[in-house]
């Protein structure tokens, strides 16, 4: 792998529920607040490739860490999804939201342990 490329093999991409229509084939970066799991997901940006989405996600993570200066477990967490309607779907479907919050809270805890 040449220098400057982003490793995407270890990044989890959250998928929409089975049978979801209207997917656009892009990778969407959203932000989740693990300190307030009842808060809405915040929108980010969309990218055509996983590499560009991961690069942006990591840049956002660094920016968030610098701004929030709090406990690592409480930092907002950027994450990837292929669901262009994730925010609306999470509001309409409580089971989908619960599953997503569970996965992201677990991810935030494991990230805090690694620091």
PDB file of N, CA and C in Angstrom:
ATOM      1  N   UNK A   1       0.851  -1.173   0.000  1.00  0.00           N
ATOM      2  CA  UNK A   1       0.000   0.000   0.000  1.00  0.00           C
ATOM      3  C   UNK A   1       0.892   1.230   0.000  1.00  0.00           C
ATOM      4  N   UNK A   2       0.642   2.145  -0.890  1.00  0.00           N
ATOM      5  CA  UNK A   2       1.477   3.331  -0.977  1.00  0.00           C
ATOM      6  C   UNK A   2       1.147   4.309   0.146  1.00  0.00           C
ATOM      7  N   UNK A   3       2.116   5.124   0.468  1.00  0.00           N
ATOM      8  CA  UNK A   3       1.941   6.091   1.543  1.00  0.00           C
ATOM      9  C   UNK A   3       0.851   7.100   1.164  1.00  0.00           C
ATOM     10  N   UNK A   4       0.068   7.490   2.122  1.00  0.00           N
ATOM     11  CA  UNK A   4      -0.972   8.471   1.878  1.00  0.00           C
ATOM     12  C   UNK A   4      -2.343   7.868   1.632  1.00  0.00           C
ATOM     13  N   UNK A   5      -2.429   6.587   1.389  1.00  0.00           N
ATOM     14  CA  UNK A   5      -3.735   5.956   1.185  1.00  0.00           C
ATOM     15  C   UNK A   5      -4.368   5.641   2.533  1.00  0.00           C
ATOM     16  N   UNK A   6      -5.661   5.579   2.552  1.00  0.00           N
ATOM     17  CA  UNK A   6      -6.401   5.322   3.767  1.00  0.00           C
ATOM     18  C   UNK A   6      -6.795   3.854   3.810  1.00  0.00           C
ATOM     19  N   UNK A   7      -6.534   3.209   4.934  1.00  0.00           N
ATOM     20  CA  UNK A   7      -6.965   1.823   5.095  1.00  0.00           C
ATOM     21  C   UNK A   7      -8.455   1.820   5.418  1.00  0.00           C
ATOM     22  N   UNK A   8      -9.219   1.147   4.613  1.00  0.00           N
ATOM     23  CA  UNK A   8     -10.662   1.086   4.860  1.00  0.00           C
ATOM     24  C   UNK A   8     -11.103  -0.300   5.291  1.00  0.00           C
ATOM     25  N   UNK A   9     -10.189  -1.253   5.354  1.00  0.00           N
ATOM     26  CA  UNK A   9     -10.560  -2.627   5.662  1.00  0.00           C
ATOM     27  C   UNK A   9     -11.133  -2.770   7.069  1.00  0.00           C
ATOM     28  N   UNK A  10     -10.755  -1.905   7.986  1.00  0.00           N
ATOM     29  CA  UNK A  10     -11.195  -2.041   9.366  1.00  0.00           C
ATOM     30  C   UNK A  10     -12.360  -1.122   9.718  1.00  0.00           C
ATOM     31  N   UNK A  11     -12.916  -0.463   8.758  1.00  0.00           N
ATOM     32  CA  UNK A  11     -14.021   0.463   9.001  1.00  0.00           C
ATOM     33  C   UNK A  11     -15.344  -0.279   8.829  1.00  0.00           C
ATOM     34  N   UNK A  12     -16.234  -0.096   9.779  1.00  0.00           N
ATOM     35  CA  UNK A  12     -17.551  -0.710   9.686  1.00  0.00           C
ATOM     36  C   UNK A  12     -18.490   0.245   8.960  1.00  0.00           C
ATOM     37  N   UNK A  13     -19.189  -0.279   7.987  1.00  0.00           N
ATOM     38  CA  UNK A  13     -20.191   0.501   7.256  1.00  0.00           C
ATOM     39  C   UNK A  13     -21.557  -0.027   7.683  1.00  0.00           C
ATOM     40  N   UNK A  14     -22.345   0.827   8.297  1.00  0.00           N
ATOM     41  CA  UNK A  14     -23.669   0.434   8.780  1.00  0.00           C
ATOM     42  C   UNK A  14     -24.630   0.377   7.595  1.00  0.00           C
ATOM     43  N   UNK A  15     -25.325  -0.738   7.496  1.00  0.00           N
ATOM     44  CA  UNK A  15     -26.235  -0.990   6.375  1.00  0.00           C
ATOM     45  C   UNK A  15     -27.672  -0.664   6.766  1.00  0.00           C
ATOM     46  N   UNK A  16     -28.486  -0.251   5.794  1.00  0.00           N
ATOM     47  CA  UNK A  16     -29.913  -0.029   6.069  1.00  0.00           C
ATOM     48  C   UNK A  16     -30.612  -1.376   6.271  1.00  0.00           C
ATOM     49  N   UNK A  17     -31.832  -1.360   6.791  1.00  0.00           N
ATOM     50  CA  UNK A  17     -32.566  -2.612   6.966  1.00  0.00           C
ATOM     51  C   UNK A  17     -32.749  -3.344   5.633  1.00  0.00           C
ATOM     52  N   UNK A  18     -32.893  -4.636   5.712  1.00  0.00           N
ATOM     53  CA  UNK A  18     -33.109  -5.450   4.513  1.00  0.00           C
ATOM     54  C   UNK A  18     -34.362  -4.985   3.783  1.00  0.00           C
ATOM     55  N   UNK A  19     -34.300  -4.980   2.469  1.00  0.00           N
ATOM     56  CA  UNK A  19     -35.441  -4.596   1.655  1.00  0.00           C
ATOM     57  C   UNK A  19     -35.591  -3.094   1.461  1.00  0.00           C
ATOM     58  N   UNK A  20     -34.625  -2.326   1.913  1.00  0.00           N
ATOM     59  CA  UNK A  20     -34.687  -0.871   1.772  1.00  0.00           C
ATOM     60  C   UNK A  20     -34.490  -0.479   0.319  1.00  0.00           C
ATOM     61  N   UNK A  21     -35.320   0.418  -0.162  1.00  0.00           N
ATOM     62  CA  UNK A  21     -35.180   0.919  -1.527  1.00  0.00           C
ATOM     63  C   UNK A  21     -34.659   2.351  -1.491  1.00  0.00           C
ATOM     64  N   UNK A  22     -34.288   2.862  -2.643  1.00  0.00           N
ATOM     65  CA  UNK A  22     -33.835   4.246  -2.732  1.00  0.00           C
ATOM     66  C   UNK A  22     -32.374   4.444  -2.386  1.00  0.00           C
ATOM     67  N   UNK A  23     -31.601   3.362  -2.351  1.00  0.00           N
ATOM     68  CA  UNK A  23     -30.176   3.492  -2.052  1.00  0.00           C
ATOM     69  C   UNK A  23     -29.477   4.127  -3.246  1.00  0.00           C
ATOM     70  N   UNK A  24     -28.497   4.970  -2.979  1.00  0.00           N
ATOM     71  CA  UNK A  24     -27.845   5.710  -4.055  1.00  0.00           C
ATOM     72  C   UNK A  24     -26.431   5.228  -4.368  1.00  0.00           C
ATOM     73  N   UNK A  25     -25.960   4.166  -3.713  1.00  0.00           N
ATOM     74  CA  UNK A  25     -24.641   3.618  -3.997  1.00  0.00           C
ATOM     75  C   UNK A  25     -23.499   4.456  -3.443  1.00  0.00           C
ATOM     76  N   UNK A  26     -23.806   5.415  -2.600  1.00  0.00           N
ATOM     77  CA  UNK A  26     -22.769   6.260  -2.017  1.00  0.00           C
ATOM     78  C   UNK A  26     -22.563   5.902  -0.553  1.00  0.00           C
ATOM     79  N   UNK A  27     -21.457   6.426  -0.009  1.00  0.00           N
ATOM     80  CA  UNK A  27     -21.142   6.248   1.408  1.00  0.00           C
ATOM     81  C   UNK A  27     -21.438   7.572   2.101  1.00  0.00           C
ATOM     82  N   UNK A  28     -22.213   7.508   3.177  1.00  0.00           N
ATOM     83  CA  UNK A  28     -22.651   8.707   3.884  1.00  0.00           C
ATOM     84  C   UNK A  28     -22.009   8.734   5.263  1.00  0.00           C
ATOM     85  N   UNK A  29     -21.469   9.884   5.635  1.00  0.00           N
ATOM     86  CA  UNK A  29     -20.877  10.067   6.957  1.00  0.00           C
ATOM     87  C   UNK A  29     -21.913  10.793   7.815  1.00  0.00           C
ATOM     88  N   UNK A  30     -22.251  10.182   8.946  1.00  0.00           N
ATOM     89  CA  UNK A  30     -23.158  10.778   9.923  1.00  0.00           C
ATOM     90  C   UNK A  30     -22.404  10.900  11.237  1.00  0.00           C
ATOM     91  N   UNK A  31     -22.963  11.635  12.194  1.00  0.00           N
ATOM     92  CA  UNK A  31     -22.336  11.795  13.504  1.00  0.00           C
ATOM     93  C   UNK A  31     -23.335  11.379  14.575  1.00  0.00           C
ATOM     94  N   UNK A  32     -22.851  10.600  15.536  1.00  0.00           N
ATOM     95  CA  UNK A  32     -23.653  10.089  16.643  1.00  0.00           C
ATOM     96  C   UNK A  32     -23.060  10.605  17.950  1.00  0.00           C
ATOM     97  N   UNK A  33     -23.914  10.990  18.890  1.00  0.00           N
ATOM     98  CA  UNK A  33     -23.467  11.471  20.186  1.00  0.00           C
ATOM     99  C   UNK A  33     -23.679  10.369  21.225  1.00  0.00           C
ATOM    100  N   UNK A  34     -22.615   9.619  21.595  1.00  0.00           N
ATOM    101  CA  UNK A  34     -22.785   8.525  22.558  1.00  0.00           C
ATOM    102  C   UNK A  34     -23.135   9.006  23.965  1.00  0.00           C
ATOM    103  N   UNK A  35     -22.861  10.263  24.288  1.00  0.00           N
ATOM    104  CA  UNK A  35     -23.206  10.797  25.607  1.00  0.00           C
ATOM    105  C   UNK A  35     -24.708  11.028  25.731  1.00  0.00           C
ATOM    106  N   UNK A  36     -25.390  11.210  24.608  1.00  0.00           N
ATOM    107  CA  UNK A  36     -26.836  11.417  24.595  1.00  0.00           C
ATOM    108  C   UNK A  36     -27.451  10.552  23.502  1.00  0.00           C
ATOM    109  N   UNK A  37     -27.624   9.246  23.773  1.00  0.00           N
ATOM    110  CA  UNK A  37     -28.146   8.344  22.739  1.00  0.00           C
ATOM    111  C   UNK A  37     -29.552   8.676  22.267  1.00  0.00           C
ATOM    112  N   UNK A  38     -30.275   9.523  22.993  1.00  0.00           N
ATOM    113  CA  UNK A  38     -31.623   9.909  22.565  1.00  0.00           C
ATOM    114  C   UNK A  38     -31.604  11.058  21.573  1.00  0.00           C
ATOM    115  N   UNK A  39     -30.442  11.688  21.398  1.00  0.00           N
ATOM    116  CA  UNK A  39     -30.331  12.805  20.452  1.00  0.00           C
ATOM    117  C   UNK A  39     -30.426  12.279  19.016  1.00  0.00           C
ATOM    118  N   UNK A  40     -30.812  13.165  18.112  1.00  0.00           N
ATOM    119  CA  UNK A  40     -30.895  12.783  16.703  1.00  0.00           C
ATOM    120  C   UNK A  40     -29.501  12.604  16.123  1.00  0.00           C
ATOM    121  N   UNK A  41     -29.406  11.793  15.081  1.00  0.00           N
ATOM    122  CA  UNK A  41     -28.161  11.662  14.345  1.00  0.00           C
ATOM    123  C   UNK A  41     -27.942  12.949  13.569  1.00  0.00           C
ATOM    124  N   UNK A  42     -26.701  13.353  13.445  1.00  0.00           N
ATOM    125  CA  UNK A  42     -26.405  14.580  12.711  1.00  0.00           C
ATOM    126  C   UNK A  42     -25.896  14.228  11.322  1.00  0.00           C
ATOM    127  N   UNK A  43     -26.316  14.980  10.317  1.00  0.00           N
ATOM    128  CA  UNK A  43     -25.870  14.683   8.951  1.00  0.00           C
ATOM    129  C   UNK A  43     -24.416  15.077   8.739  1.00  0.00           C
ATOM    130  N   UNK A  44     -23.815  14.436   7.783  1.00  0.00           N
ATOM    131  CA  UNK A  44     -22.452  14.754   7.399  1.00  0.00           C
ATOM    132  C   UNK A  44     -22.398  15.001   5.910  1.00  0.00           C
ATOM    133  N   UNK A  45     -21.553  14.229   5.233  1.00  0.00           N
ATOM    134  CA  UNK A  45     -21.409  14.376   3.782  1.00  0.00           C
ATOM    135  C   UNK A  45     -21.520  13.018   3.112  1.00  0.00           C
ATOM    136  N   UNK A  46     -21.686  13.043   1.791  1.00  0.00           N
ATOM    137  CA  UNK A  46     -21.774  11.816   0.993  1.00  0.00           C
ATOM    138  C   UNK A  46     -20.576  11.735   0.060  1.00  0.00           C
ATOM    139  N   UNK A  47     -20.122  10.507  -0.175  1.00  0.00           N
ATOM    140  CA  UNK A  47     -18.968  10.267  -1.042  1.00  0.00           C
ATOM    141  C   UNK A  47     -19.231   9.062  -1.930  1.00  0.00           C
ATOM    142  N   UNK A  48     -18.604   9.067  -3.095  1.00  0.00           N
ATOM    143  CA  UNK A  48     -18.777   7.956  -4.028  1.00  0.00           C
ATOM    144  C   UNK A  48     -17.908   6.758  -3.681  1.00  0.00           C
ATOM    145  N   UNK A  49     -16.790   6.973  -2.987  1.00  0.00           N
ATOM    146  CA  UNK A  49     -15.904   5.856  -2.644  1.00  0.00           C
ATOM    147  C   UNK A  49     -15.727   5.764  -1.133  1.00  0.00           C
ATOM    148  N   UNK A  50     -15.490   4.552  -0.668  1.00  0.00           N
ATOM    149  CA  UNK A  50     -15.264   4.330   0.765  1.00  0.00           C
ATOM    150  C   UNK A  50     -13.996   5.036   1.229  1.00  0.00           C
ATOM    151  N   UNK A  51     -12.971   5.076   0.388  1.00  0.00           N
ATOM    152  CA  UNK A  51     -11.705   5.692   0.771  1.00  0.00           C
ATOM    153  C   UNK A  51     -11.879   7.174   1.081  1.00  0.00           C
ATOM    154  N   UNK A  52     -12.621   7.871   0.232  1.00  0.00           N
ATOM    155  CA  UNK A  52     -12.844   9.307   0.469  1.00  0.00           C
ATOM    156  C   UNK A  52     -13.720   9.520   1.701  1.00  0.00           C
ATOM    157  N   UNK A  53     -14.707   8.657   1.897  1.00  0.00           N
ATOM    158  CA  UNK A  53     -15.582   8.774   3.067  1.00  0.00           C
ATOM    159  C   UNK A  53     -14.790   8.538   4.350  1.00  0.00           C
ATOM    160  N   UNK A  54     -13.919   7.552   4.339  1.00  0.00           N
ATOM    161  CA  UNK A  54     -13.104   7.249   5.522  1.00  0.00           C
ATOM    162  C   UNK A  54     -12.143   8.393   5.808  1.00  0.00           C
ATOM    163  N   UNK A  55     -11.542   8.938   4.776  1.00  0.00           N
ATOM    164  CA  UNK A  55     -10.631  10.058   4.952  1.00  0.00           C
ATOM    165  C   UNK A  55     -11.363  11.243   5.591  1.00  0.00           C
ATOM    166  N   UNK A  56     -12.542  11.561   5.094  1.00  0.00           N
ATOM    167  CA  UNK A  56     -13.335  12.650   5.659  1.00  0.00           C
ATOM    168  C   UNK A  56     -13.748  12.330   7.090  1.00  0.00           C
ATOM    169  N   UNK A  57     -14.170  11.076   7.332  1.00  0.00           N
ATOM    170  CA  UNK A  57     -14.605  10.664   8.656  1.00  0.00           C
ATOM    171  C   UNK A  57     -13.474  10.834   9.670  1.00  0.00           C
ATOM    172  N   UNK A  58     -12.277  10.432   9.310  1.00  0.00           N
ATOM    173  CA  UNK A  58     -11.139  10.562  10.218  1.00  0.00           C
ATOM    174  C   UNK A  58     -10.780  12.029  10.450  1.00  0.00           C
ATOM    175  N   UNK A  59     -10.882  12.837   9.420  1.00  0.00           N
ATOM    176  CA  UNK A  59     -10.638  14.271   9.579  1.00  0.00           C
ATOM    177  C   UNK A  59     -11.668  14.875  10.540  1.00  0.00           C
ATOM    178  N   UNK A  60     -12.923  14.503  10.384  1.00  0.00           N
ATOM    179  CA  UNK A  60     -13.975  14.986  11.280  1.00  0.00           C
ATOM    180  C   UNK A  60     -13.726  14.525  12.712  1.00  0.00           C
ATOM    181  N   UNK A  61     -13.271  13.288  12.866  1.00  0.00           N
ATOM    182  CA  UNK A  61     -12.992  12.762  14.194  1.00  0.00           C
ATOM    183  C   UNK A  61     -11.904  13.593  14.875  1.00  0.00           C
ATOM    184  N   UNK A  62     -10.856  13.927  14.160  1.00  0.00           N
ATOM    185  CA  UNK A  62      -9.787  14.756  14.720  1.00  0.00           C
ATOM    186  C   UNK A  62     -10.312  16.141  15.091  1.00  0.00           C
ATOM    187  N   UNK A  63     -11.141  16.714  14.232  1.00  0.00           N
ATOM    188  CA  UNK A  63     -11.714  18.028  14.515  1.00  0.00           C
ATOM    189  C   UNK A  63     -12.601  17.983  15.752  1.00  0.00           C
ATOM    190  N   UNK A  64     -13.410  16.949  15.864  1.00  0.00           N
ATOM    191  CA  UNK A  64     -14.306  16.806  17.008  1.00  0.00           C
ATOM    192  C   UNK A  64     -13.499  16.646  18.293  1.00  0.00           C
ATOM    193  N   UNK A  65     -12.455  15.818  18.267  1.00  0.00           N
ATOM    194  CA  UNK A  65     -11.634  15.618  19.464  1.00  0.00           C
ATOM    195  C   UNK A  65     -11.029  16.945  19.919  1.00  0.00           C
ATOM    196  N   UNK A  66     -10.530  17.725  18.966  1.00  0.00           N
ATOM    197  CA  UNK A  66      -9.907  19.006  19.305  1.00  0.00           C
ATOM    198  C   UNK A  66     -10.934  19.984  19.879  1.00  0.00           C
ATOM    199  N   UNK A  67     -12.149  19.976  19.363  1.00  0.00           N
ATOM    200  CA  UNK A  67     -13.186  20.902  19.826  1.00  0.00           C
ATOM    201  C   UNK A  67     -13.779  20.513  21.167  1.00  0.00           C
ATOM    202  N   UNK A  68     -14.028  19.245  21.375  1.00  0.00           N
ATOM    203  CA  UNK A  68     -14.773  18.836  22.559  1.00  0.00           C
ATOM    204  C   UNK A  68     -13.903  18.696  23.807  1.00  0.00           C
ATOM    205  N   UNK A  69     -12.657  18.292  23.653  1.00  0.00           N
ATOM    206  CA  UNK A  69     -11.731  18.151  24.775  1.00  0.00           C
ATOM    207  C   UNK A  69     -12.401  17.568  26.009  1.00  0.00           C
ATOM    208  N   UNK A  70     -12.965  16.402  25.870  1.00  0.00           N
ATOM    209  CA  UNK A  70     -13.651  15.730  26.973  1.00  0.00           C
ATOM    210  C   UNK A  70     -13.132  14.309  27.081  1.00  0.00           C
ATOM    211  N   UNK A  71     -13.840  13.494  27.814  1.00  0.00           N
ATOM    212  CA  UNK A  71     -13.484  12.090  27.917  1.00  0.00           C
ATOM    213  C   UNK A  71     -13.654  11.419  26.558  1.00  0.00           C
ATOM    214  N   UNK A  72     -12.713  10.565  26.154  1.00  0.00           N
ATOM    215  CA  UNK A  72     -12.831   9.913  24.841  1.00  0.00           C
ATOM    216  C   UNK A  72     -14.145   9.169  24.633  1.00  0.00           C
ATOM    217  N   UNK A  73     -14.717   8.627  25.687  1.00  0.00           N
ATOM    218  CA  UNK A  73     -15.977   7.893  25.541  1.00  0.00           C
ATOM    219  C   UNK A  73     -17.147   8.818  25.224  1.00  0.00           C
ATOM    220  N   UNK A  74     -16.994  10.107  25.464  1.00  0.00           N
ATOM    221  CA  UNK A  74     -18.095  11.030  25.277  1.00  0.00           C
ATOM    222  C   UNK A  74     -18.005  11.842  23.990  1.00  0.00           C
ATOM    223  N   UNK A  75     -16.941  11.677  23.216  1.00  0.00           N
ATOM    224  CA  UNK A  75     -16.803  12.409  21.956  1.00  0.00           C
ATOM    225  C   UNK A  75     -17.889  11.991  20.974  1.00  0.00           C
ATOM    226  N   UNK A  76     -18.346  12.944  20.174  1.00  0.00           N
ATOM    227  CA  UNK A  76     -19.236  12.590  19.073  1.00  0.00           C
ATOM    228  C   UNK A  76     -18.501  11.628  18.164  1.00  0.00           C
ATOM    229  N   UNK A  77     -19.229  10.701  17.603  1.00  0.00           N
ATOM    230  CA  UNK A  77     -18.633   9.634  16.810  1.00  0.00           C
ATOM    231  C   UNK A  77     -19.108   9.696  15.365  1.00  0.00           C
ATOM    232  N   UNK A  78     -18.220  10.062  14.419  1.00  0.00           N
ATOM    233  CA  UNK A  78     -18.601   9.962  13.007  1.00  0.00           C
ATOM    234  C   UNK A  78     -18.654   8.492  12.597  1.00  0.00           C
ATOM    235  N   UNK A  79     -19.606   8.142  11.746  1.00  0.00           N
ATOM    236  CA  UNK A  79     -19.697   6.759  11.275  1.00  0.00           C
ATOM    237  C   UNK A  79     -20.190   6.740   9.838  1.00  0.00           C
ATOM    238  N   UNK A  80     -19.956   5.608   9.175  1.00  0.00           N
ATOM    239  CA  UNK A  80     -20.338   5.447   7.769  1.00  0.00           C
ATOM    240  C   UNK A  80     -21.590   4.602   7.642  1.00  0.00           C
ATOM    241  N   UNK A  81     -22.385   4.933   6.651  1.00  0.00           N
ATOM    242  CA  UNK A  81     -23.566   4.151   6.319  1.00  0.00           C
ATOM    243  C   UNK A  81     -23.805   4.261   4.820  1.00  0.00           C
ATOM    244  N   UNK A  82     -24.458   3.266   4.270  1.00  0.00           N
ATOM    245  CA  UNK A  82     -24.859   3.326   2.866  1.00  0.00           C
ATOM    246  C   UNK A  82     -26.304   3.788   2.735  1.00  0.00           C
ATOM    247  N   UNK A  83     -26.917   4.160   3.838  1.00  0.00           N
ATOM    248  CA  UNK A  83     -28.322   4.563   3.862  1.00  0.00           C
ATOM    249  C   UNK A  83     -28.440   6.084   3.718  1.00  0.00           C
ATOM    250  N   UNK A  84     -28.917   6.576   2.560  1.00  0.00           N
ATOM    251  CA  UNK A  84     -29.041   8.026   2.383  1.00  0.00           C
ATOM    252  C   UNK A  84     -30.154   8.639   3.234  1.00  0.00           C
ATOM    253  N   UNK A  85     -31.059   7.825   3.741  1.00  0.00           N
ATOM    254  CA  UNK A  85     -32.185   8.316   4.538  1.00  0.00           C
ATOM    255  C   UNK A  85     -32.090   7.872   5.989  1.00  0.00           C
ATOM    256  N   UNK A  86     -30.887   7.663   6.484  1.00  0.00           N
ATOM    257  CA  UNK A  86     -30.702   7.131   7.835  1.00  0.00           C
ATOM    258  C   UNK A  86     -31.379   7.988   8.897  1.00  0.00           C
ATOM    259  N   UNK A  87     -31.250   9.284   8.826  1.00  0.00           N
ATOM    260  CA  UNK A  87     -31.811  10.164   9.851  1.00  0.00           C
ATOM    261  C   UNK A  87     -33.332  10.049   9.884  1.00  0.00           C
ATOM    262  N   UNK A  88     -33.968  10.115   8.726  1.00  0.00           N
ATOM    263  CA  UNK A  88     -35.431   9.983   8.673  1.00  0.00           C
ATOM    264  C   UNK A  88     -35.882   8.583   9.065  1.00  0.00           C
ATOM    265  N   UNK A  89     -35.159   7.569   8.603  1.00  0.00           N
ATOM    266  CA  UNK A  89     -35.517   6.181   8.910  1.00  0.00           C
ATOM    267  C   UNK A  89     -35.406   5.921  10.419  1.00  0.00           C
ATOM    268  N   UNK A  90     -34.385   6.488  11.058  1.00  0.00           N
ATOM    269  CA  UNK A  90     -34.207   6.300  12.503  1.00  0.00           C
ATOM    270  C   UNK A  90     -35.347   6.945  13.283  1.00  0.00           C
ATOM    271  N   UNK A  91     -35.905   8.025  12.758  1.00  0.00           N
ATOM    272  CA  UNK A  91     -37.043   8.675  13.414  1.00  0.00           C
ATOM    273  C   UNK A  91     -38.322   7.851  13.247  1.00  0.00           C
ATOM    274  N   UNK A  92     -38.483   7.205  12.083  1.00  0.00           N
ATOM    275  CA  UNK A  92     -39.704   6.446  11.781  1.00  0.00           C
ATOM    276  C   UNK A  92     -39.684   5.034  12.357  1.00  0.00           C
ATOM    277  N   UNK A  93     -38.509   4.414  12.432  1.00  0.00           N
ATOM    278  CA  UNK A  93     -38.408   3.003  12.798  1.00  0.00           C
ATOM    279  C   UNK A  93     -37.631   2.847  14.108  1.00  0.00           C
ATOM    280  N   UNK A  94     -38.340   2.711  15.241  1.00  0.00           N
ATOM    281  CA  UNK A  94     -37.661   2.616  16.536  1.00  0.00           C
ATOM    282  C   UNK A  94     -36.735   1.393  16.645  1.00  0.00           C
ATOM    283  N   UNK A  95     -37.079   0.285  16.009  1.00  0.00           N
ATOM    284  CA  UNK A  95     -36.229  -0.906  16.078  1.00  0.00           C
ATOM    285  C   UNK A  95     -34.898  -0.671  15.361  1.00  0.00           C
ATOM    286  N   UNK A  96     -34.950  -0.018  14.212  1.00  0.00           N
ATOM    287  CA  UNK A  96     -33.733   0.314  13.462  1.00  0.00           C
ATOM    288  C   UNK A  96     -32.865   1.265  14.272  1.00  0.00           C
ATOM    289  N   UNK A  97     -33.491   2.283  14.858  1.00  0.00           N
ATOM    290  CA  UNK A  97     -32.752   3.250  15.679  1.00  0.00           C
ATOM    291  C   UNK A  97     -32.098   2.563  16.875  1.00  0.00           C
ATOM    292  N   UNK A  98     -32.852   1.689  17.546  1.00  0.00           N
ATOM    293  CA  UNK A  98     -32.320   0.988  18.718  1.00  0.00           C
ATOM    294  C   UNK A  98     -31.111   0.139  18.341  1.00  0.00           C
ATOM    295  N   UNK A  99     -31.201  -0.564  17.231  1.00  0.00           N
ATOM    296  CA  UNK A  99     -30.093  -1.395  16.758  1.00  0.00           C
ATOM    297  C   UNK A  99     -28.870  -0.544  16.423  1.00  0.00           C
ATOM    298  N   UNK A 100     -29.090   0.559  15.743  1.00  0.00           N
ATOM    299  CA  UNK A 100     -27.996   1.452  15.361  1.00  0.00           C
ATOM    300  C   UNK A 100     -27.351   2.087  16.591  1.00  0.00           C
ATOM    301  N   UNK A 101     -28.161   2.557  17.527  1.00  0.00           N
ATOM    302  CA  UNK A 101     -27.624   3.155  18.759  1.00  0.00           C
ATOM    303  C   UNK A 101     -26.820   2.127  19.539  1.00  0.00           C
ATOM    304  N   UNK A 102     -27.311   0.898  19.609  1.00  0.00           N
ATOM    305  CA  UNK A 102     -26.588  -0.164  20.314  1.00  0.00           C
ATOM    306  C   UNK A 102     -25.216  -0.389  19.676  1.00  0.00           C
ATOM    307  N   UNK A 103     -25.190  -0.531  18.366  1.00  0.00           N
ATOM    308  CA  UNK A 103     -23.922  -0.756  17.660  1.00  0.00           C
ATOM    309  C   UNK A 103     -22.958   0.410  17.856  1.00  0.00           C
ATOM    310  N   UNK A 104     -23.452   1.620  17.743  1.00  0.00           N
ATOM    311  CA  UNK A 104     -22.589   2.796  17.852  1.00  0.00           C
ATOM    312  C   UNK A 104     -22.111   3.035  19.282  1.00  0.00           C
ATOM    313  N   UNK A 105     -22.947   2.749  20.268  1.00  0.00           N
ATOM    314  CA  UNK A 105     -22.535   2.891  21.664  1.00  0.00           C
ATOM    315  C   UNK A 105     -21.445   1.876  21.987  1.00  0.00           C
ATOM    316  N   UNK A 106     -21.593   0.663  21.489  1.00  0.00           N
ATOM    317  CA  UNK A 106     -20.571  -0.362  21.677  1.00  0.00           C
ATOM    318  C   UNK A 106     -19.271   0.059  21.010  1.00  0.00           C
ATOM    319  N   UNK A 107     -19.382   0.599  19.810  1.00  0.00           N
ATOM    320  CA  UNK A 107     -18.202   1.070  19.085  1.00  0.00           C
ATOM    321  C   UNK A 107     -17.500   2.201  19.849  1.00  0.00           C
ATOM    322  N   UNK A 108     -18.266   3.109  20.423  1.00  0.00           N
ATOM    323  CA  UNK A 108     -17.687   4.221  21.188  1.00  0.00           C
ATOM    324  C   UNK A 108     -16.976   3.704  22.431  1.00  0.00           C
ATOM    325  N   UNK A 109     -17.561   2.711  23.107  1.00  0.00           N
ATOM    326  CA  UNK A 109     -16.917   2.137  24.289  1.00  0.00           C
ATOM    327  C   UNK A 109     -15.608   1.459  23.935  1.00  0.00           C
ATOM    328  N   UNK A 110     -15.597   0.713  22.835  1.00  0.00           N
ATOM    329  CA  UNK A 110     -14.358   0.026  22.446  1.00  0.00           C
ATOM    330  C   UNK A 110     -13.292   1.029  22.030  1.00  0.00           C
ATOM    331  N   UNK A 111     -13.693   2.130  21.413  1.00  0.00           N
ATOM    332  CA  UNK A 111     -12.759   3.174  21.045  1.00  0.00           C
ATOM    333  C   UNK A 111     -12.141   3.805  22.294  1.00  0.00           C
ATOM    334  N   UNK A 112     -12.939   4.015  23.325  1.00  0.00           N
ATOM    335  CA  UNK A 112     -12.449   4.616  24.559  1.00  0.00           C
ATOM    336  C   UNK A 112     -11.458   3.681  25.254  1.00  0.00           C
ATOM    337  N   UNK A 113     -11.685   2.372  25.171  1.00  0.00           N
ATOM    338  CA  UNK A 113     -10.761   1.412  25.793  1.00  0.00           C
ATOM    339  C   UNK A 113      -9.417   1.393  25.087  1.00  0.00           C
ATOM    340  N   UNK A 114      -9.411   1.650  23.769  1.00  0.00           N
ATOM    341  CA  UNK A 114      -8.161   1.615  23.004  1.00  0.00           C
ATOM    342  C   UNK A 114      -7.276   2.819  23.305  1.00  0.00           C
ATOM    343  N   UNK A 115      -7.824   3.895  23.776  1.00  0.00           N
ATOM    344  CA  UNK A 115      -7.043   5.126  24.023  1.00  0.00           C
ATOM    345  C   UNK A 115      -6.203   5.005  25.243  1.00  0.00           C
TER     346      UNK A 115
END
